[in-house]
């Protein structure tokens, strides 16, 4: 699939939606100097072309009862295929994402759990699945993400 030709306004609209997908078309239009209807047309084009693949909710996992995030490196015996690697982890509800990697490890599994005891149980379940030969787990102390921040939109503040 080839890349879609985007201009600066498209990129700015995507950035604004990434910060808050519930913005009004008028609010976005004000920030990119377009009418609300022009913004709507651009967003619909971005959706049709697949550039905008969907919308999501940002959850504060601490408040939702799953305050501990961890990444577990998973290694497989032999030459496990990508499907086997993914299927090893996706049946566990604590798994948020599976990233298959080139080199060592074979996969990186993102976990979200309520406590360290449950983290240990999930890791043990991972170890017993498929042809897993080893794991290494890193517990997240703090998080920053460009598009998943809980901080308010700072672009709306003036610098006067």
Protein backbone atom coordinates (compact mmCIF):
# COMPACT_ATOMS: atom_id res chain seq x y z
CA UNK A 1 0.00 0.00 0.00
CA UNK A 2 1.44 3.38 -0.97
CA UNK A 3 1.54 6.47 1.20
CA UNK A 4 -1.23 9.04 0.87
CA UNK A 5 -0.23 12.57 -0.17
CA UNK A 6 -0.86 14.81 2.85
CA UNK A 7 -0.33 18.55 3.18
CA UNK A 8 0.52 20.53 6.32
CA UNK A 9 -3.15 21.11 7.08
CA UNK A 10 -3.87 17.36 6.96
CA UNK A 11 -0.97 16.74 9.35
CA UNK A 12 -2.22 19.47 11.72
CA UNK A 13 -5.77 18.02 11.68
CA UNK A 14 -4.37 14.57 12.50
CA UNK A 15 -2.31 16.06 15.33
CA UNK A 16 -5.36 17.85 16.77
CA UNK A 17 -7.49 14.70 16.56
CA UNK A 18 -4.69 12.70 18.17
CA UNK A 19 -4.75 15.08 21.12
CA UNK A 20 -8.54 14.95 21.41
CA UNK A 21 -10.70 13.06 18.91
CA UNK A 22 -13.86 14.64 20.36
CA UNK A 23 -12.98 18.13 19.15
CA UNK A 24 -15.65 19.89 17.19
CA UNK A 25 -15.12 20.57 13.50
CA UNK A 26 -15.42 24.29 14.30
CA UNK A 27 -12.61 24.07 16.88
CA UNK A 28 -10.34 22.25 14.43
CA UNK A 29 -11.29 24.67 11.67
CA UNK A 30 -10.37 27.63 13.84
CA UNK A 31 -6.93 26.16 14.49
CA UNK A 32 -6.21 25.33 10.81
CA UNK A 33 -7.99 28.33 9.24
CA UNK A 34 -10.71 26.31 7.49
CA UNK A 35 -14.49 26.17 7.77
CA UNK A 36 -16.06 23.33 9.75
CA UNK A 37 -17.42 21.80 6.53
CA UNK A 38 -13.96 21.89 4.89
CA UNK A 39 -12.50 20.15 7.96
CA UNK A 40 -15.26 17.52 7.78
CA UNK A 41 -14.46 16.83 4.11
CA UNK A 42 -10.75 16.47 4.88
CA UNK A 43 -11.38 14.12 7.80
CA UNK A 44 -13.73 11.99 5.70
CA UNK A 45 -11.02 11.80 2.98
CA UNK A 46 -8.42 10.80 5.60
CA UNK A 47 -10.78 8.09 6.90
CA UNK A 48 -11.59 6.75 3.39
CA UNK A 49 -7.91 6.59 2.48
CA UNK A 50 -7.11 4.72 5.71
CA UNK A 51 -4.79 7.39 7.09
CA UNK A 52 -7.23 7.71 9.99
CA UNK A 53 -7.87 4.05 10.81
CA UNK A 54 -10.14 4.62 13.81
CA UNK A 55 -10.70 6.44 17.05
CA UNK A 56 -9.98 5.27 20.55
CA UNK A 57 -10.32 6.09 24.22
CA UNK A 58 -7.34 6.89 26.42
CA UNK A 59 -7.80 5.07 29.71
CA UNK A 60 -6.15 6.05 32.98
CA UNK A 61 -5.33 2.49 34.02
CA UNK A 62 -4.52 3.50 37.59
CA UNK A 63 -8.08 4.72 38.09
CA UNK A 64 -9.44 1.67 36.23
CA UNK A 65 -7.74 -0.76 38.60
CA UNK A 66 -4.76 -1.83 36.47
CA UNK A 67 -1.99 0.51 37.59
CA UNK A 68 0.99 -1.67 36.70
CA UNK A 69 2.34 -1.73 33.17
CA UNK A 70 5.12 -4.05 32.12
CA UNK A 71 6.87 -5.20 28.99
CA UNK A 72 7.89 -8.83 28.76
CA UNK A 73 10.46 -9.99 26.26
CA UNK A 74 9.49 -13.44 24.99
CA UNK A 75 11.84 -15.91 23.33
CA UNK A 76 10.71 -18.96 21.36
CA UNK A 77 12.42 -22.26 20.55
CA UNK A 78 13.38 -22.73 16.93
CA UNK A 79 11.79 -20.62 14.28
CA UNK A 80 8.37 -19.63 15.58
CA UNK A 81 6.23 -17.91 12.98
CA UNK A 82 4.53 -14.56 13.60
CA UNK A 83 1.10 -16.14 14.00
CA UNK A 84 2.35 -18.50 16.74
CA UNK A 85 4.04 -15.63 18.56
CA UNK A 86 0.88 -13.53 18.51
CA UNK A 87 -1.43 -16.38 19.50
CA UNK A 88 0.78 -17.19 22.50
CA UNK A 89 -0.23 -13.93 24.17
CA UNK A 90 -3.51 -12.59 22.81
CA UNK A 91 -5.73 -14.94 24.80
CA UNK A 92 -4.62 -13.31 28.07
CA UNK A 93 -6.82 -10.27 28.87
CA UNK A 94 -3.89 -8.47 30.52
CA UNK A 95 -2.06 -8.34 27.18
CA UNK A 96 -2.49 -4.92 25.58
CA UNK A 97 -0.26 -5.47 22.55
CA UNK A 98 2.24 -7.88 21.04
CA UNK A 99 5.17 -6.51 19.07
CA UNK A 100 7.10 -9.10 17.06
CA UNK A 101 10.71 -8.08 16.60
CA UNK A 102 13.67 -8.80 14.38
CA UNK A 103 16.46 -10.37 16.39
CA UNK A 104 16.40 -11.17 20.10
CA UNK A 105 13.82 -11.29 21.67
CA UNK A 106 11.19 -12.72 19.31
CA UNK A 107 8.41 -10.57 20.77
CA UNK A 108 7.72 -7.79 23.23
CA UNK A 109 4.43 -8.15 25.13
CA UNK A 110 2.83 -5.10 26.75
CA UNK A 111 0.95 -6.04 29.92
CA UNK A 112 -1.46 -4.07 32.12
CA UNK A 113 -2.16 -5.67 35.54
CA UNK A 114 -3.68 -4.73 38.91
CA UNK A 115 -0.71 -5.81 41.05
CA UNK A 116 2.67 -7.52 41.06
CA UNK A 117 1.13 -10.85 42.11
CA UNK A 118 -1.06 -10.89 38.99
CA UNK A 119 1.93 -9.85 36.87
CA UNK A 120 3.78 -12.94 38.08
CA UNK A 121 0.80 -15.15 37.26
CA UNK A 122 0.49 -13.73 33.74
CA UNK A 123 4.20 -14.19 33.09
CA UNK A 124 3.95 -17.82 34.25
CA UNK A 125 1.02 -18.33 31.86
CA UNK A 126 3.10 -16.87 29.02
CA UNK A 127 6.00 -19.17 29.87
CA UNK A 128 3.79 -22.27 29.65
CA UNK A 129 2.37 -21.45 26.22
CA UNK A 130 3.64 -22.57 22.85
CA UNK A 131 7.38 -23.00 22.48
CA UNK A 132 8.39 -20.20 24.88
CA UNK A 133 11.95 -20.73 26.10
CA UNK A 134 12.39 -17.62 28.19
CA UNK A 135 11.07 -14.26 29.30
CA UNK A 136 12.46 -11.04 30.74
CA UNK A 137 10.11 -8.49 32.27
CA UNK A 138 10.50 -4.75 32.73
CA UNK A 139 8.04 -2.86 34.96
CA UNK A 140 7.14 0.65 33.81
CA UNK A 141 7.80 3.42 36.35
CA UNK A 142 6.47 6.35 34.32
CA UNK A 143 5.03 6.94 30.87
CA UNK A 144 5.06 9.69 28.31
CA UNK A 145 3.53 9.31 24.88
CA UNK A 146 3.21 11.85 22.11
CA UNK A 147 -0.39 10.95 21.29
CA UNK A 148 -1.67 9.47 24.54
CA UNK A 149 -1.06 12.21 27.02
CA UNK A 150 -3.55 12.96 29.80
CA UNK A 151 -2.37 16.55 29.85
CA UNK A 152 -4.66 19.25 28.46
CA UNK A 153 -4.14 20.57 24.96
CA UNK A 154 -1.36 23.15 25.31
CA UNK A 155 -1.79 24.51 21.78
CA UNK A 156 -4.93 26.35 22.91
CA UNK A 157 -2.98 28.50 25.42
CA UNK A 158 -1.70 31.84 24.26
CA UNK A 159 1.84 32.97 24.94
CA UNK A 160 0.97 36.59 25.69
